[in-house]
Each structure stands twice: as C-alpha cells, then as structure tokens.
Amino acid sequence: MTKLSAFAVIFDTDQRVLLCHRRDRDLWNLPGGGVEAGESPWDAAVREVEEEVGLIVKIRGLRGIYNKPTHDELSFLFECSVTGGKLTLTDEADKIEYFPPTELPQNTSERQVERIRDCELFSKLLLADQRTAFASRELYETEFAIVSGFSGD
C-alpha cells in the first residue's frame, strides 16, 4: 500500500523559507512527515508543522505531488501561512531557522530543495498571472469607458 506524506513550505515576510534541522540526521528539512490513517494530507501538514516547530498554520494551497517509487510513497507539498504558535525546538528538530531560498544550508535534502524551488516558481507564476489579470481588467474597463462614453460619474 502506498504511503502518504505531507510537507509545508512557509515563507516569512522577507520571502525566506522555514527549515528545521532533524535530530536523527544531519539534514535540514521542510516541516512535514507521514499522513496518519484516516487523516487527509492537508491536515497532516498542519499537524506536522505544529508538532515539529510549534507553529499553527493554515493551508494556502497545494503546490506539488511527488512520487517516491523506491519508497512506495506519494508526498504532498502545501504552501502555508502562520496564524499562531511560536517557533519551538522539539524532539524532532534541534534547530529552526528561516533561510533565503538562494542560501539554503548545504545539508538540505535534495528533495526539499526541489520542493522549495517548485513552490517559488508557482508563487512567481501566480503573481504574474494576477498582474496580467489585473492589467487586462484595467484595459477592458478603460476600453469599455471609451467605447460606451461611460465616465463613472
């Protein structure tokens, strides 16, 4: 049976990404882990963040699904925003820090680096799409006003 896991990408206001250093291995990782029986991947991501780093988060959106065939595992990646809690060291994490995505520690898991890059790319594409939609709306409203003679007054 395929195992499921869920991870969270959390950016601060400076667009740095939150990583936790694992106690069991010398690796920096996104907060996350296994989905428990009867649990949804999004609930698992929220739970894992609180368990590993002490933050309460809400899901902003699904950013990727990754297949790890050698482990018979599907990993879900969610972008999250912090709504409460406090960064706290736990039995799973002995260090917790925000890093600029271009300055990740060398001992960050390759899979985690890929996921951070994917999330960054998604955010950039989403922002570009929003700007295009806004510009299109402004252009439409301007053309509509000129064609119809509508001034809005």
Protein backbone atom coordinates (compact mmCIF):
# COMPACT_ATOMS: atom_id res chain seq x y z
CA MET A 1 0.00 0.00 0.00
CA THR A 2 1.33 3.43 -0.95
CA LYS A 3 2.40 5.60 1.97
CA LEU A 4 1.45 9.27 2.02
CA SER A 5 3.45 12.16 3.42
CA ALA A 6 2.81 15.89 3.63
CA PHE A 7 5.21 18.82 3.88
CA ALA A 8 4.78 22.56 4.37
CA VAL A 9 6.59 25.45 2.74
CA ILE A 10 6.32 28.51 4.96
CA PHE A 11 7.71 31.85 3.80
CA ASP A 12 8.16 34.80 6.14
CA THR A 13 7.58 38.43 5.12
CA ASP A 14 11.10 38.57 3.67
CA GLN A 15 10.36 35.52 1.47
CA ARG A 16 12.72 33.32 3.48
CA VAL A 17 11.70 29.69 3.86
CA LEU A 18 11.37 27.89 7.19
CA LEU A 19 13.54 24.82 7.65
CA CYS A 20 14.08 22.59 10.65
CA HIS A 21 17.22 20.61 11.37
CA ARG A 22 16.47 16.99 12.15
CA ARG A 23 17.70 15.47 15.39
CA ASP A 24 18.03 11.97 13.91
CA ARG A 25 20.14 13.01 10.88
CA ASP A 26 22.29 15.98 9.94
CA LEU A 27 19.72 17.33 7.46
CA TRP A 28 17.68 20.48 7.09
CA ASN A 29 14.12 19.73 6.09
CA LEU A 30 10.76 21.32 5.49
CA PRO A 31 8.36 20.58 8.34
CA GLY A 32 6.35 17.51 7.48
CA GLY A 33 6.00 13.78 7.72
CA GLY A 34 3.69 10.83 7.37
CA VAL A 35 -0.06 11.02 6.93
CA GLU A 36 -1.81 9.02 9.64
CA ALA A 37 -4.64 6.55 8.96
CA GLY A 38 -7.89 8.42 8.32
CA GLU A 39 -6.09 11.78 8.04
CA SER A 40 -6.06 13.99 4.96
CA PRO A 41 -2.70 15.18 3.60
CA TRP A 42 -3.60 18.83 4.32
CA ASP A 43 -4.49 18.02 7.94
CA ALA A 44 -1.24 16.07 8.23
CA ALA A 45 0.77 19.07 7.01
CA VAL A 46 -0.87 21.34 9.61
CA ARG A 47 -0.34 18.77 12.38
CA GLU A 48 3.28 18.09 11.42
CA VAL A 49 4.17 21.79 11.42
CA GLU A 50 2.78 22.21 14.93
CA GLU A 51 4.49 19.03 16.17
CA GLU A 52 7.87 19.81 14.61
CA VAL A 53 8.23 23.58 15.00
CA GLY A 54 5.38 24.78 17.25
CA LEU A 55 3.59 26.95 14.66
CA ILE A 56 -0.09 26.92 13.82
CA VAL A 57 -0.62 27.30 10.10
CA LYS A 58 -3.34 27.40 7.51
CA ILE A 59 -3.03 25.90 4.07
CA ARG A 60 -2.69 28.43 1.25
CA GLY A 61 -2.70 25.80 -1.44
CA LEU A 62 -1.33 22.57 -2.84
CA ARG A 63 1.99 23.22 -4.60
CA GLY A 64 3.03 19.76 -5.68
CA ILE A 65 2.65 16.00 -5.50
CA TYR A 66 5.83 13.95 -5.68
CA ASN A 67 6.24 10.25 -6.32
CA LYS A 68 8.97 8.38 -4.47
CA PRO A 69 8.70 4.96 -6.16
CA THR A 70 11.65 3.47 -4.28
CA HIS A 71 9.75 4.10 -1.04
CA ASP A 72 6.26 3.47 -2.49
CA GLU A 73 5.32 6.93 -1.26
CA LEU A 74 3.43 9.98 -2.50
CA SER A 75 4.41 13.30 -0.93
CA PHE A 76 2.13 16.31 -0.92
CA LEU A 77 3.57 19.82 -0.72
CA PHE A 78 1.46 22.66 0.68
CA GLU A 79 2.28 26.32 0.97
CA CYS A 80 1.18 27.51 4.40
CA SER A 81 0.92 30.77 6.29
CA VAL A 82 1.43 31.18 10.01
CA THR A 83 -1.66 32.01 12.07
CA GLY A 84 -0.29 31.40 15.56
CA GLY A 85 2.04 29.50 17.80
CA LYS A 86 5.69 30.14 18.47
CA LEU A 87 8.84 28.60 16.99
CA THR A 88 9.77 25.86 19.45
CA LEU A 89 12.51 23.25 19.40
CA THR A 90 11.09 19.75 19.67
CA ASP A 91 12.21 16.15 19.91
CA GLU A 92 12.22 16.13 16.08
CA ALA A 93 14.01 19.45 15.43
CA ASP A 94 17.07 20.78 17.23
CA LYS A 95 17.31 23.97 15.10
CA ILE A 96 14.65 26.00 13.33
CA GLU A 97 15.53 28.89 11.03
CA TYR A 98 14.31 30.90 8.06
CA PHE A 99 16.67 30.96 5.07
CA PRO A 100 16.67 32.89 1.80
CA PRO A 101 15.90 30.26 -0.88
CA THR A 102 19.19 31.13 -2.59
CA GLU A 103 21.15 30.48 0.63
CA LEU A 104 19.89 27.11 1.85
CA PRO A 105 22.26 25.10 4.04
CA GLN A 106 24.41 22.62 2.11
CA ASN A 107 22.92 19.74 4.07
CA THR A 108 19.37 20.45 2.95
CA SER A 109 17.75 17.37 1.47
CA GLU A 110 17.79 17.47 -2.35
CA ARG A 111 14.10 16.61 -2.42
CA GLN A 112 13.37 19.54 -0.14
CA VAL A 113 15.38 21.93 -2.32
CA GLU A 114 13.38 20.78 -5.36
CA ARG A 115 10.12 21.38 -3.50
CA ILE A 116 11.15 24.84 -2.34
CA ARG A 117 12.10 25.78 -5.91
CA ASP A 118 8.78 24.43 -7.21
CA CYS A 119 6.87 26.47 -4.65
CA GLU A 120 8.85 29.60 -5.52
CA LEU A 121 8.14 29.08 -9.21
CA PHE A 122 4.44 28.54 -8.53
CA SER A 123 4.30 31.76 -6.49
CA LYS A 124 6.03 33.73 -9.26
CA LEU A 125 3.68 32.33 -11.90
CA LEU A 126 0.66 33.06 -9.71
CA LEU A 127 1.83 36.64 -9.15
CA ALA A 128 2.46 37.11 -12.88
CA ASP A 129 -0.99 35.70 -13.65
CA GLN A 130 -2.60 38.06 -11.13
CA ARG A 131 -0.76 41.04 -12.64
CA THR A 132 -1.87 40.01 -16.14
CA ALA A 133 -5.46 39.59 -14.99
CA PHE A 134 -5.38 43.00 -13.26
CA ALA A 135 -3.85 44.68 -16.32
CA SER A 136 -6.42 43.01 -18.58
CA ARG A 137 -9.25 44.18 -16.33
CA GLU A 138 -7.91 47.75 -16.32
CA LEU A 139 -7.55 47.68 -20.11
CA TYR A 140 -11.08 46.29 -20.52
CA GLU A 141 -12.56 48.89 -18.18
CA THR A 142 -10.70 51.70 -19.97
CA GLU A 143 -11.80 50.49 -23.43
CA PHE A 144 -15.38 49.98 -22.18
CA ALA A 145 -15.47 53.53 -20.83
CA ILE A 146 -14.12 54.97 -24.11
CA VAL A 147 -16.45 52.92 -26.38
CA SER A 148 -19.56 53.47 -24.29
CA GLY A 149 -18.81 57.02 -23.23
CA PHE A 150 -19.35 55.91 -19.63
CA SER A 151 -17.41 58.12 -17.25
CA GLY A 152 -18.49 56.57 -13.95
CA ASP A 153 -19.78 59.95 -12.64
